[in-house]
C-alpha cells in the first residue's frame, strides 16, 4: 500500500509520497522536502537518546524542535485513509 506523508509547514499543508528506503522516518522526509539540514538536530537527538532513561524524552525533543522549525501535524496517511467509505 503506498504511503503518503502529510504535514503543515509554516501554515501551509503539504503532502508527498513516503518511502522507508529513502528516509529513516517521517520527520526526516518532511525536513528534506523543505530543504532543511537537520544534521545538528540529529546529533542532539542522539545525545538525548543516550542520556535519557526512556523514549518519551526523545519523542518530546523531536516534536518540540520540529514545531520550532515551523512544522506541525506531521503524520503518515495511506491511500485507504483518503478513500470515501460507504
N, C-alpha and C. Protein backbone atom coordinates (compact mmCIF):
# COMPACT_ATOMS: atom_id res chain seq x y z
N UNK A 1 0.84 -1.17 0.00
CA UNK A 1 0.00 0.00 0.00
C UNK A 1 0.90 1.24 0.00
N UNK A 2 0.70 2.15 -0.92
CA UNK A 2 1.51 3.37 -0.98
C UNK A 2 1.31 4.23 0.27
N UNK A 3 2.38 4.81 0.70
CA UNK A 3 2.32 5.68 1.87
C UNK A 3 2.49 7.13 1.43
N UNK A 4 1.81 8.00 2.15
CA UNK A 4 1.96 9.43 1.92
C UNK A 4 2.23 10.10 3.26
N UNK A 5 2.97 11.16 3.19
CA UNK A 5 3.28 11.97 4.35
C UNK A 5 2.52 13.27 4.21
N UNK A 6 1.86 13.69 5.26
CA UNK A 6 1.19 14.97 5.25
C UNK A 6 1.67 15.77 6.45
N UNK A 7 1.84 17.07 6.25
CA UNK A 7 2.31 17.93 7.32
C UNK A 7 1.96 19.37 7.00
N UNK A 8 2.07 20.21 8.01
CA UNK A 8 1.88 21.64 7.83
C UNK A 8 3.23 22.30 8.09
N UNK A 9 3.69 23.10 7.14
CA UNK A 9 4.94 23.82 7.30
C UNK A 9 4.67 25.30 7.13
N UNK A 10 4.89 26.04 8.19
CA UNK A 10 4.66 27.48 8.21
C UNK A 10 3.27 27.84 7.69
N UNK A 11 2.28 27.09 8.16
CA UNK A 11 0.89 27.38 7.86
C UNK A 11 0.36 26.80 6.56
N UNK A 12 1.18 26.09 5.79
CA UNK A 12 0.75 25.53 4.51
C UNK A 12 0.77 24.01 4.60
N UNK A 13 -0.38 23.38 4.35
CA UNK A 13 -0.46 21.92 4.37
C UNK A 13 0.18 21.37 3.10
N UNK A 14 1.02 20.35 3.29
CA UNK A 14 1.71 19.73 2.17
C UNK A 14 1.59 18.22 2.27
N UNK A 15 1.69 17.56 1.12
CA UNK A 15 1.59 16.10 1.07
C UNK A 15 2.62 15.59 0.06
N UNK A 16 3.27 14.48 0.39
CA UNK A 16 4.24 13.91 -0.51
C UNK A 16 4.33 12.41 -0.31
N UNK A 17 4.80 11.67 -1.31
CA UNK A 17 4.97 10.22 -1.15
C UNK A 17 6.09 9.95 -0.16
N UNK A 18 5.97 8.84 0.58
CA UNK A 18 6.96 8.49 1.60
C UNK A 18 7.41 7.06 1.39
N UNK A 19 8.72 6.86 1.53
CA UNK A 19 9.30 5.52 1.42
C UNK A 19 10.40 5.37 2.46
N UNK A 20 10.37 4.25 3.20
CA UNK A 20 11.43 3.99 4.17
C UNK A 20 12.77 3.71 3.49
N UNK A 21 12.77 3.41 2.21
CA UNK A 21 14.03 3.19 1.51
C UNK A 21 14.77 4.51 1.27
N UNK A 22 14.06 5.61 1.31
CA UNK A 22 14.68 6.93 1.09
C UNK A 22 14.94 7.69 2.38
N UNK A 23 14.08 7.50 3.40
CA UNK A 23 14.18 8.25 4.65
C UNK A 23 13.98 7.32 5.84
N UNK A 24 14.63 7.65 6.94
CA UNK A 24 14.51 6.84 8.15
C UNK A 24 13.16 7.01 8.83
N UNK A 25 12.59 8.20 8.76
CA UNK A 25 11.29 8.45 9.39
C UNK A 25 10.60 9.63 8.72
N UNK A 26 9.37 9.90 9.15
CA UNK A 26 8.58 10.94 8.51
C UNK A 26 9.13 12.34 8.79
N UNK A 27 9.77 12.52 9.93
CA UNK A 27 10.34 13.83 10.25
C UNK A 27 11.49 14.16 9.30
N UNK A 28 12.34 13.18 9.06
CA UNK A 28 13.46 13.36 8.15
C UNK A 28 12.96 13.66 6.74
N UNK A 29 11.92 12.98 6.31
CA UNK A 29 11.36 13.20 4.98
C UNK A 29 10.77 14.60 4.84
N UNK A 30 10.06 15.06 5.86
CA UNK A 30 9.46 16.40 5.82
C UNK A 30 10.55 17.47 5.76
N UNK A 31 11.60 17.31 6.56
CA UNK A 31 12.70 18.27 6.55
C UNK A 31 13.40 18.28 5.19
N UNK A 32 13.63 17.11 4.61
CA UNK A 32 14.27 17.02 3.31
C UNK A 32 13.42 17.69 2.23
N UNK A 33 12.12 17.51 2.31
CA UNK A 33 11.22 18.12 1.32
C UNK A 33 11.27 19.64 1.38
N UNK A 34 11.54 20.17 2.56
CA UNK A 34 11.61 21.63 2.72
C UNK A 34 13.04 22.16 2.58
N UNK A 35 14.00 21.25 2.33
CA UNK A 35 15.38 21.67 2.15
C UNK A 35 16.08 22.08 3.43
N UNK A 36 15.64 21.52 4.56
CA UNK A 36 16.22 21.87 5.86
C UNK A 36 17.28 20.84 6.24
N UNK A 37 18.46 21.32 6.58
CA UNK A 37 19.55 20.46 7.05
C UNK A 37 19.32 20.16 8.53
N UNK A 38 19.09 18.89 8.85
CA UNK A 38 18.83 18.53 10.25
C UNK A 38 19.98 17.75 10.87
N UNK A 39 21.18 17.88 10.32
CA UNK A 39 22.32 17.14 10.86
C UNK A 39 22.61 17.53 12.31
N UNK A 40 22.54 18.81 12.64
CA UNK A 40 22.74 19.23 14.04
C UNK A 40 21.63 18.70 14.94
N UNK A 41 20.42 18.74 14.44
CA UNK A 41 19.28 18.20 15.19
C UNK A 41 19.49 16.71 15.48
N UNK A 42 19.91 15.94 14.47
CA UNK A 42 20.10 14.51 14.65
C UNK A 42 21.21 14.21 15.67
N UNK A 43 22.26 15.02 15.69
CA UNK A 43 23.33 14.84 16.67
C UNK A 43 22.80 15.11 18.08
N UNK A 44 22.02 16.16 18.24
CA UNK A 44 21.45 16.47 19.55
C UNK A 44 20.44 15.41 19.97
N UNK A 45 19.65 14.92 19.03
CA UNK A 45 18.68 13.88 19.34
C UNK A 45 19.39 12.62 19.84
N UNK A 46 20.51 12.29 19.25
CA UNK A 46 21.28 11.13 19.69
C UNK A 46 21.79 11.33 21.11
N UNK A 47 22.20 12.54 21.44
CA UNK A 47 22.64 12.83 22.81
C UNK A 47 21.49 12.68 23.79
N UNK A 48 20.31 13.15 23.41
CA UNK A 48 19.13 13.00 24.27
C UNK A 48 18.83 11.51 24.44
N UNK A 49 18.91 10.74 23.37
CA UNK A 49 18.65 9.30 23.43
C UNK A 49 19.63 8.61 24.39
N UNK A 50 20.90 9.00 24.33
CA UNK A 50 21.92 8.36 25.16
C UNK A 50 21.80 8.72 26.64
N UNK A 51 21.30 9.91 26.94
CA UNK A 51 21.24 10.35 28.33
C UNK A 51 19.88 10.15 28.98
N UNK A 52 18.84 9.90 28.19
CA UNK A 52 17.51 9.74 28.79
C UNK A 52 17.26 8.28 29.16
N UNK A 53 16.33 8.09 30.07
CA UNK A 53 16.01 6.74 30.54
C UNK A 53 14.85 6.12 29.78
N UNK A 54 14.16 6.91 28.99
CA UNK A 54 13.01 6.38 28.26
C UNK A 54 12.86 7.04 26.91
N UNK A 55 11.94 6.53 26.13
CA UNK A 55 11.70 7.05 24.78
C UNK A 55 10.94 8.36 24.80
N UNK A 56 10.27 8.65 25.90
CA UNK A 56 9.44 9.85 25.95
C UNK A 56 10.28 11.12 25.76
N UNK A 57 11.46 11.17 26.31
CA UNK A 57 12.31 12.36 26.20
C UNK A 57 12.70 12.61 24.75
N UNK A 58 13.02 11.55 24.03
CA UNK A 58 13.42 11.69 22.62
C UNK A 58 12.23 12.16 21.79
N UNK A 59 11.08 11.56 22.02
CA UNK A 59 9.87 11.94 21.27
C UNK A 59 9.50 13.39 21.56
N UNK A 60 9.56 13.79 22.81
CA UNK A 60 9.24 15.15 23.20
C UNK A 60 10.22 16.14 22.56
N UNK A 61 11.51 15.81 22.59
CA UNK A 61 12.52 16.66 21.98
C UNK A 61 12.25 16.84 20.49
N UNK A 62 11.97 15.74 19.81
CA UNK A 62 11.72 15.77 18.37
C UNK A 62 10.51 16.64 18.04
N UNK A 63 9.42 16.44 18.75
CA UNK A 63 8.21 17.21 18.46
C UNK A 63 8.41 18.70 18.72
N UNK A 64 9.08 19.04 19.80
CA UNK A 64 9.30 20.46 20.12
C UNK A 64 10.24 21.12 19.13
N UNK A 65 11.29 20.43 18.72
CA UNK A 65 12.23 21.01 17.78
C UNK A 65 11.60 21.20 16.40
N UNK A 66 10.81 20.24 15.96
CA UNK A 66 10.17 20.39 14.65
C UNK A 66 9.11 21.47 14.70
N UNK A 67 8.44 21.64 15.82
CA UNK A 67 7.48 22.74 15.96
C UNK A 67 8.23 24.08 15.90
N UNK A 68 9.40 24.13 16.51
CA UNK A 68 10.22 25.35 16.48
C UNK A 68 10.67 25.66 15.05
N UNK A 69 10.90 24.63 14.24
CA UNK A 69 11.30 24.83 12.84
C UNK A 69 10.14 25.25 11.95
N UNK A 70 8.91 25.14 12.45
CA UNK A 70 7.74 25.56 11.68
C UNK A 70 6.83 24.43 11.23
N UNK A 71 7.10 23.21 11.68
CA UNK A 71 6.29 22.05 11.29
C UNK A 71 5.19 21.78 12.32
N UNK A 72 4.09 21.24 11.84
CA UNK A 72 3.04 20.74 12.74
C UNK A 72 2.27 19.65 12.00
N UNK A 73 1.56 18.86 12.77
CA UNK A 73 0.70 17.79 12.24
C UNK A 73 1.43 16.88 11.24
N UNK A 74 2.64 16.46 11.58
CA UNK A 74 3.38 15.54 10.71
C UNK A 74 2.83 14.14 10.95
N UNK A 75 2.30 13.53 9.90
CA UNK A 75 1.76 12.18 10.05
C UNK A 75 1.74 11.46 8.72
N UNK A 76 1.68 10.14 8.80
CA UNK A 76 1.63 9.30 7.62
C UNK A 76 0.18 8.91 7.37
N UNK A 77 -0.20 8.94 6.10
CA UNK A 77 -1.55 8.51 5.72
C UNK A 77 -1.40 7.47 4.61
N UNK A 78 -2.37 6.61 4.50
CA UNK A 78 -2.36 5.62 3.43
C UNK A 78 -3.47 5.94 2.45
N UNK A 79 -3.43 5.31 1.31
CA UNK A 79 -4.46 5.52 0.29
C UNK A 79 -5.84 5.17 0.85
N UNK A 80 -5.90 4.16 1.71
CA UNK A 80 -7.16 3.76 2.31
C UNK A 80 -7.78 4.86 3.14
N UNK A 81 -6.94 5.62 3.86
CA UNK A 81 -7.42 6.70 4.71
C UNK A 81 -8.13 7.79 3.92
N UNK A 82 -7.75 7.95 2.65
CA UNK A 82 -8.30 9.01 1.84
C UNK A 82 -9.55 8.61 1.06
N UNK A 83 -9.79 7.31 0.89
CA UNK A 83 -10.93 6.88 0.09
C UNK A 83 -12.21 7.02 0.90
N UNK A 84 -13.29 7.45 0.24
CA UNK A 84 -14.57 7.59 0.93
C UNK A 84 -15.13 6.23 1.32
N UNK A 85 -15.66 6.14 2.49
CA UNK A 85 -16.26 4.89 2.98
C UNK A 85 -17.76 4.95 2.78
N UNK A 86 -18.32 3.84 2.35
CA UNK A 86 -19.78 3.80 2.14
C UNK A 86 -20.44 2.90 3.12
